[in-house]
Protein backbone atom coordinates (compact mmCIF):
# COMPACT_ATOMS: atom_id res chain seq x y z
CA MET A 1 9.34 49.69 13.36
CA PRO A 2 8.43 48.94 16.99
CA ASP A 3 10.34 46.07 18.80
CA SER A 4 7.16 44.26 19.56
CA LEU A 5 6.88 43.41 15.91
CA ARG A 6 10.48 42.26 15.45
CA THR A 7 10.46 39.80 18.36
CA PRO A 8 8.49 36.56 17.96
CA THR A 9 5.84 35.91 20.62
CA PRO A 10 6.06 32.54 22.47
CA VAL A 11 3.53 29.97 21.40
CA PRO A 12 1.38 28.80 24.35
CA TYR A 13 1.13 25.19 23.04
CA PRO A 14 3.81 22.69 21.94
CA VAL A 15 4.84 22.74 18.44
CA ALA A 16 5.73 19.76 16.42
CA SER A 17 9.25 19.49 14.99
CA PRO A 18 9.57 19.94 11.17
CA PRO A 19 9.08 16.67 9.20
CA HIS A 20 12.82 16.52 8.41
CA GLN A 21 13.74 16.43 12.11
CA ARG A 22 11.16 13.71 13.16
CA LEU A 23 12.46 10.25 13.50
CA SER A 24 10.58 7.92 11.24
CA ARG A 25 10.12 4.22 11.62
CA PRO A 26 8.98 2.01 8.84
CA THR A 27 5.40 0.74 9.11
CA ALA A 28 4.53 -2.90 8.89
CA LEU A 29 3.29 -2.40 5.40
CA GLN A 30 6.56 -0.78 4.35
CA LEU A 31 8.50 -3.65 5.88
CA MET A 32 6.37 -6.18 3.93
CA ALA A 33 6.82 -4.22 0.79
CA GLN A 34 10.66 -4.46 1.24
CA GLU A 35 10.35 -8.34 1.72
CA ALA A 36 8.26 -8.78 -1.51
CA ALA A 37 10.23 -9.87 -4.48
CA ILE A 38 7.67 -8.40 -6.99
CA SER A 39 6.12 -4.85 -7.02
CA LYS A 40 2.66 -3.93 -6.69
CA ALA A 41 2.39 -3.00 -10.42
CA ALA A 42 3.74 -6.36 -11.41
CA ALA A 43 1.08 -8.15 -9.31
CA ARG A 44 -1.67 -6.10 -10.87
CA GLU A 45 -0.43 -7.04 -14.39
CA ILE A 46 -0.18 -10.84 -13.34
CA ALA A 47 -3.62 -10.54 -12.00
CA GLN A 48 -5.05 -8.94 -15.12
CA ARG A 49 -3.49 -11.75 -17.26
CA ALA A 50 -5.34 -14.22 -15.10
CA ALA A 51 -8.78 -12.50 -15.28
CA SER A 52 -9.94 -9.94 -17.65
CA GLY A 53 -11.37 -6.64 -16.36
CA ARG A 54 -10.38 -3.32 -14.55
CA VAL A 55 -8.25 -3.55 -11.32
CA VAL A 56 -10.32 -2.01 -8.52
CA PHE A 57 -8.06 -2.70 -5.54
CA THR A 58 -4.57 -4.07 -4.71
CA GLU A 59 -3.14 -4.72 -1.27
CA LEU A 60 -0.23 -6.57 0.17
CA CYS A 61 -1.01 -8.79 3.07
CA ARG A 62 0.47 -11.76 5.04
CA ALA A 63 -1.34 -15.11 4.89
CA VAL A 64 -1.89 -17.30 7.96
CA ASP A 65 0.79 -19.51 6.69
CA GLY A 66 3.22 -16.67 6.64
CA ARG A 67 3.35 -16.15 2.84
CA LEU A 68 3.14 -12.60 1.50
CA LEU A 69 0.31 -12.23 -1.02
CA TYR A 70 -1.07 -9.46 -3.10
CA VAL A 71 -4.91 -9.39 -3.11
CA VAL A 72 -6.08 -7.85 -6.35
CA LEU A 73 -9.91 -7.25 -7.00
CA ILE A 74 -10.93 -7.21 -10.46
CA ALA A 75 -14.25 -5.81 -11.70
CA ALA A 76 -15.40 -7.81 -14.78
CA PRO A 77 -17.42 -5.94 -17.40
CA GLY A 78 -21.06 -6.70 -17.04
CA ARG A 79 -20.74 -8.17 -13.60
CA ALA A 80 -21.60 -6.63 -10.39
CA ALA A 81 -19.38 -8.98 -8.33
CA LYS A 82 -15.63 -8.49 -8.15
CA ARG A 83 -13.16 -11.26 -8.61
CA ALA A 84 -10.35 -11.56 -6.06
CA ILE A 85 -6.98 -12.87 -7.37
CA LEU A 86 -4.21 -13.82 -5.01
CA VAL A 87 -0.76 -13.34 -6.23
CA ASP A 88 2.40 -14.79 -4.38
CA ALA A 89 4.67 -11.67 -3.71
CA GLN A 90 7.68 -13.84 -3.69
CA THR A 91 7.18 -15.94 -6.92
CA GLY A 92 4.60 -13.97 -8.86
CA ALA A 93 2.42 -17.12 -9.19
CA VAL A 94 -1.29 -16.97 -9.08
CA VAL A 95 -2.16 -18.73 -5.73
CA ALA A 96 -5.96 -18.43 -5.81
CA ASP A 97 -8.45 -17.29 -8.29
CA GLY A 98 -11.91 -16.22 -6.85
CA ALA A 99 -13.87 -17.15 -10.07
């Protein structure tokens, strides 16, 4: 076998390091998720108890007053509009119901 096939050729552009060698910093969403006392799945269950229908979307966000809230959108059967349920991420209480 010729030597040219055995030696690797240099790459003319920078190559990213493998994922296990990269330093990773948590994102803002990951930090908020660590701060939340209830999980996303628990917030979905709480919202489904408050309003019947199919959960379309769930997101963790910080309110203007600093509280962590899960925003859960529920599609009610037979209705085009979606209902927004706000669940407190610390207590699990339903803060607002967009009925």
